[in-house]
Amino acid sequence: MNDQPTSSSSNLEAKSFLIARILMSLLFFVPAYRKLTSIAVTEAYFAKLGLPFPEITVYLVIAFEFIAAICFLFGWRIKLVAYLMAAFSIAAGLIAHQFWSVDPAQLGNQLNHLLKNGAVAGGFIMAALLADHLVHAPKEDQAD
């Protein structure tokens, strides 16, 4: 029995992976744009979180978010970029959503945000693992 996907199923998988990359890229494009349009507010928030040099860190984060989203969207070095985006999502969750140190009224909200970041990281890890198969899917064997 042939376990190779048919051309139509490979095409559907590739299109689905593109849609997934578009949706996942938005998780980085939108926050980058919001940070860029409210630099002072973001700097103050980064300072409150205890990030070093918030006036510089804000621009580094914005640059990373935009560049990573573009690379991921267009499939450039997708495995590396997806792993970097996963690491960023985990780090951002641990820095910004410290549910263990908030008052009890905020615990559930912060825990949910941290779990969301973990799920996003899981999606990027899955994308990295599937990238070779779905971005550069092998062509169907030609009959000689």
C-alpha atoms as a PDB file:
ATOM      1  CA  MET A   1       0.000   0.000   0.000  1.00  0.00           C
ATOM      2  CA  ASN A   2       1.296   3.477  -0.868  1.00  0.00           C
ATOM      3  CA  ASP A   3       1.676   5.738   2.170  1.00  0.00           C
ATOM      4  CA  GLN A   4       2.629   8.751   0.076  1.00  0.00           C
ATOM      5  CA  PRO A   5       0.068  11.582   0.146  1.00  0.00           C
ATOM      6  CA  THR A   6      -1.764  12.282  -3.050  1.00  0.00           C
ATOM      7  CA  SER A   7      -1.076  15.488  -4.901  1.00  0.00           C
ATOM      8  CA  SER A   8      -4.410  16.964  -3.808  1.00  0.00           C
ATOM      9  CA  SER A   9      -3.866  16.085  -0.129  1.00  0.00           C
ATOM     10  CA  SER A  10      -0.330  17.531  -0.236  1.00  0.00           C
ATOM     11  CA  ASN A  11      -1.715  20.689  -1.817  1.00  0.00           C
ATOM     12  CA  LEU A  12      -4.405  20.951   0.872  1.00  0.00           C
ATOM     13  CA  GLU A  13      -1.821  20.428   3.615  1.00  0.00           C
ATOM     14  CA  ALA A  14       0.467  23.094   2.139  1.00  0.00           C
ATOM     15  CA  LYS A  15      -2.428  25.566   1.869  1.00  0.00           C
ATOM     16  CA  SER A  16      -3.547  24.767   5.418  1.00  0.00           C
ATOM     17  CA  PHE A  17       0.005  25.294   6.671  1.00  0.00           C
ATOM     18  CA  LEU A  18       0.098  28.677   4.928  1.00  0.00           C
ATOM     19  CA  ILE A  19      -3.187  29.678   6.597  1.00  0.00           C
ATOM     20  CA  ALA A  20      -1.781  28.544   9.957  1.00  0.00           C
ATOM     21  CA  ARG A  21       1.394  30.597   9.350  1.00  0.00           C
ATOM     22  CA  ILE A  22      -0.702  33.677   8.509  1.00  0.00           C
ATOM     23  CA  LEU A  23      -2.738  33.316  11.710  1.00  0.00           C
ATOM     24  CA  MET A  24       0.314  32.604  13.868  1.00  0.00           C
ATOM     25  CA  SER A  25       2.231  35.528  12.337  1.00  0.00           C
ATOM     26  CA  LEU A  26      -0.567  37.853  13.414  1.00  0.00           C
ATOM     27  CA  LEU A  27       0.309  36.958  17.025  1.00  0.00           C
ATOM     28  CA  PHE A  28       3.580  38.813  16.432  1.00  0.00           C
ATOM     29  CA  PHE A  29       2.586  41.482  13.875  1.00  0.00           C
ATOM     30  CA  VAL A  30      -0.268  42.959  15.906  1.00  0.00           C
ATOM     31  CA  PRO A  31       1.619  43.296  19.237  1.00  0.00           C
ATOM     32  CA  ALA A  32       4.656  44.718  17.405  1.00  0.00           C
ATOM     33  CA  TYR A  33       2.475  47.333  15.730  1.00  0.00           C
ATOM     34  CA  ARG A  34       0.749  48.176  19.034  1.00  0.00           C
ATOM     35  CA  LYS A  35       4.113  48.564  20.778  1.00  0.00           C
ATOM     36  CA  LEU A  36       5.416  50.730  17.941  1.00  0.00           C
ATOM     37  CA  THR A  37       2.402  53.043  18.125  1.00  0.00           C
ATOM     38  CA  SER A  38       2.696  53.413  21.910  1.00  0.00           C
ATOM     39  CA  ILE A  39       6.421  53.423  22.619  1.00  0.00           C
ATOM     40  CA  ALA A  40       6.242  55.429  25.854  1.00  0.00           C
ATOM     41  CA  VAL A  41       3.530  53.203  27.328  1.00  0.00           C
ATOM     42  CA  THR A  42       5.435  50.068  26.334  1.00  0.00           C
ATOM     43  CA  GLU A  43       8.697  51.420  27.790  1.00  0.00           C
ATOM     44  CA  ALA A  44       6.917  52.106  31.073  1.00  0.00           C
ATOM     45  CA  TYR A  45       5.412  48.612  31.063  1.00  0.00           C
ATOM     46  CA  PHE A  46       8.804  47.034  30.347  1.00  0.00           C
ATOM     47  CA  ALA A  47      10.316  49.082  33.188  1.00  0.00           C
ATOM     48  CA  LYS A  48       7.541  47.906  35.521  1.00  0.00           C
ATOM     49  CA  LEU A  49       8.322  44.312  34.550  1.00  0.00           C
ATOM     50  CA  GLY A  50      11.967  44.929  35.466  1.00  0.00           C
ATOM     51  CA  LEU A  51      13.376  44.490  31.979  1.00  0.00           C
ATOM     52  CA  PRO A  52      16.819  46.029  31.514  1.00  0.00           C
ATOM     53  CA  PHE A  53      17.149  49.208  29.469  1.00  0.00           C
ATOM     54  CA  PRO A  54      13.434  49.413  28.570  1.00  0.00           C
ATOM     55  CA  GLU A  55      14.071  52.342  26.200  1.00  0.00           C
ATOM     56  CA  ILE A  56      16.255  50.006  24.092  1.00  0.00           C
ATOM     57  CA  THR A  57      14.531  46.712  24.837  1.00  0.00           C
ATOM     58  CA  VAL A  58      11.256  47.989  23.398  1.00  0.00           C
ATOM     59  CA  TYR A  59      12.862  48.510  19.977  1.00  0.00           C
ATOM     60  CA  LEU A  60      14.623  45.139  20.098  1.00  0.00           C
ATOM     61  CA  VAL A  61      11.336  43.390  20.909  1.00  0.00           C
ATOM     62  CA  ILE A  62       9.475  45.255  18.155  1.00  0.00           C
ATOM     63  CA  ALA A  63      12.197  44.410  15.628  1.00  0.00           C
ATOM     64  CA  PHE A  64      12.200  40.750  16.649  1.00  0.00           C
ATOM     65  CA  GLU A  65       8.417  40.491  16.465  1.00  0.00           C
ATOM     66  CA  PHE A  66       8.195  42.096  13.007  1.00  0.00           C
ATOM     67  CA  ILE A  67      11.161  40.262  11.496  1.00  0.00           C
ATOM     68  CA  ALA A  68      10.207  36.884  12.959  1.00  0.00           C
ATOM     69  CA  ALA A  69       6.608  37.267  11.773  1.00  0.00           C
ATOM     70  CA  ILE A  70       7.712  38.122   8.236  1.00  0.00           C
ATOM     71  CA  CYS A  71      10.189  35.236   8.104  1.00  0.00           C
ATOM     72  CA  PHE A  72       7.661  32.767   9.502  1.00  0.00           C
ATOM     73  CA  LEU A  73       4.916  33.975   7.197  1.00  0.00           C
ATOM     74  CA  PHE A  74       7.046  33.587   4.069  1.00  0.00           C
ATOM     75  CA  GLY A  75       8.671  30.339   5.219  1.00  0.00           C
ATOM     76  CA  TRP A  76      12.258  31.628   5.368  1.00  0.00           C
ATOM     77  CA  ARG A  77      14.380  29.451   7.688  1.00  0.00           C
ATOM     78  CA  ILE A  78      11.062  28.407   9.156  1.00  0.00           C
ATOM     79  CA  LYS A  79      12.397  25.770  11.540  1.00  0.00           C
ATOM     80  CA  LEU A  80      14.870  28.155  13.165  1.00  0.00           C
ATOM     81  CA  VAL A  81      12.384  31.032  13.218  1.00  0.00           C
ATOM     82  CA  ALA A  82       9.612  28.850  14.656  1.00  0.00           C
ATOM     83  CA  TYR A  83      11.890  27.655  17.474  1.00  0.00           C
ATOM     84  CA  LEU A  84      12.925  31.261  18.197  1.00  0.00           C
ATOM     85  CA  MET A  85       9.273  32.339  18.252  1.00  0.00           C
ATOM     86  CA  ALA A  86       8.467  29.468  20.621  1.00  0.00           C
ATOM     87  CA  ALA A  87      11.282  30.508  22.962  1.00  0.00           C
ATOM     88  CA  PHE A  88      10.167  34.139  22.776  1.00  0.00           C
ATOM     89  CA  SER A  89       6.567  33.145  23.593  1.00  0.00           C
ATOM     90  CA  ILE A  90       7.671  31.172  26.648  1.00  0.00           C
ATOM     91  CA  ALA A  91       9.989  33.933  27.846  1.00  0.00           C
ATOM     92  CA  ALA A  92       7.327  36.606  27.333  1.00  0.00           C
ATOM     93  CA  GLY A  93       4.814  34.504  29.239  1.00  0.00           C
ATOM     94  CA  LEU A  94       7.146  33.936  32.156  1.00  0.00           C
ATOM     95  CA  ILE A  95       8.137  37.606  32.318  1.00  0.00           C
ATOM     96  CA  ALA A  96       4.727  39.216  31.822  1.00  0.00           C
ATOM     97  CA  HIS A  97       2.330  36.694  33.389  1.00  0.00           C
ATOM     98  CA  GLN A  98       3.811  35.758  36.754  1.00  0.00           C
ATOM     99  CA  PHE A  99       0.626  34.266  38.190  1.00  0.00           C
ATOM    100  CA  TRP A 100       2.533  33.076  41.256  1.00  0.00           C
ATOM    101  CA  SER A 101       3.241  36.632  42.407  1.00  0.00           C
ATOM    102  CA  VAL A 102      -0.073  38.436  41.802  1.00  0.00           C
ATOM    103  CA  ASP A 103      -2.982  38.997  44.135  1.00  0.00           C
ATOM    104  CA  PRO A 104      -5.527  36.156  44.156  1.00  0.00           C
ATOM    105  CA  ALA A 105      -8.037  38.151  42.087  1.00  0.00           C
ATOM    106  CA  GLN A 106      -5.556  38.236  39.172  1.00  0.00           C
ATOM    107  CA  LEU A 107      -4.228  34.692  39.518  1.00  0.00           C
ATOM    108  CA  GLY A 108      -6.681  33.048  37.088  1.00  0.00           C
ATOM    109  CA  ASN A 109      -6.240  35.706  34.417  1.00  0.00           C
ATOM    110  CA  GLN A 110      -2.442  35.643  34.580  1.00  0.00           C
ATOM    111  CA  LEU A 111      -2.361  31.833  34.628  1.00  0.00           C
ATOM    112  CA  ASN A 112      -4.582  31.718  31.529  1.00  0.00           C
ATOM    113  CA  HIS A 113      -2.275  34.153  29.713  1.00  0.00           C
ATOM    114  CA  LEU A 114       0.778  32.099  30.658  1.00  0.00           C
ATOM    115  CA  LEU A 115      -0.929  28.915  29.440  1.00  0.00           C
ATOM    116  CA  LYS A 116      -1.877  30.698  26.199  1.00  0.00           C
ATOM    117  CA  ASN A 117       1.760  31.611  25.645  1.00  0.00           C
ATOM    118  CA  GLY A 118       2.678  27.980  26.262  1.00  0.00           C
ATOM    119  CA  ALA A 119       0.109  26.823  23.716  1.00  0.00           C
ATOM    120  CA  VAL A 120       1.432  29.339  21.184  1.00  0.00           C
ATOM    121  CA  ALA A 121       4.950  28.020  21.791  1.00  0.00           C
ATOM    122  CA  GLY A 122       3.629  24.503  21.243  1.00  0.00           C
ATOM    123  CA  GLY A 123       2.146  25.584  17.931  1.00  0.00           C
ATOM    124  CA  PHE A 124       5.469  27.043  16.813  1.00  0.00           C
ATOM    125  CA  ILE A 125       7.303  23.869  17.847  1.00  0.00           C
ATOM    126  CA  MET A 126       4.786  21.821  15.865  1.00  0.00           C
ATOM    127  CA  ALA A 127       5.266  24.125  12.881  1.00  0.00           C
ATOM    128  CA  ALA A 128       9.038  23.626  13.108  1.00  0.00           C
ATOM    129  CA  LEU A 129       8.620  19.867  13.162  1.00  0.00           C
ATOM    130  CA  LEU A 130       6.221  19.870  10.190  1.00  0.00           C
ATOM    131  CA  ALA A 131       8.015  22.542   8.161  1.00  0.00           C
ATOM    132  CA  ASP A 132      10.117  20.271   5.948  1.00  0.00           C
ATOM    133  CA  HIS A 133       7.101  18.224   5.009  1.00  0.00           C
ATOM    134  CA  LEU A 134       4.692  21.093   4.424  1.00  0.00           C
ATOM    135  CA  VAL A 135       6.761  23.990   3.113  1.00  0.00           C
ATOM    136  CA  HIS A 136       9.001  22.071   0.753  1.00  0.00           C
ATOM    137  CA  ALA A 137       6.719  19.109   0.132  1.00  0.00           C
ATOM    138  CA  PRO A 138       8.326  16.557  -2.184  1.00  0.00           C
ATOM    139  CA  LYS A 139       6.982  16.371  -5.704  1.00  0.00           C
ATOM    140  CA  GLU A 140       5.066  13.289  -6.749  1.00  0.00           C
ATOM    141  CA  ASP A 141       7.269  10.714  -8.453  1.00  0.00           C
ATOM    142  CA  GLN A 142       7.054  10.964 -12.210  1.00  0.00           C
ATOM    143  CA  ALA A 143       6.441   7.744 -14.120  1.00  0.00           C
ATOM    144  CA  ASP A 144       9.297   6.974 -16.525  1.00  0.00           C
END
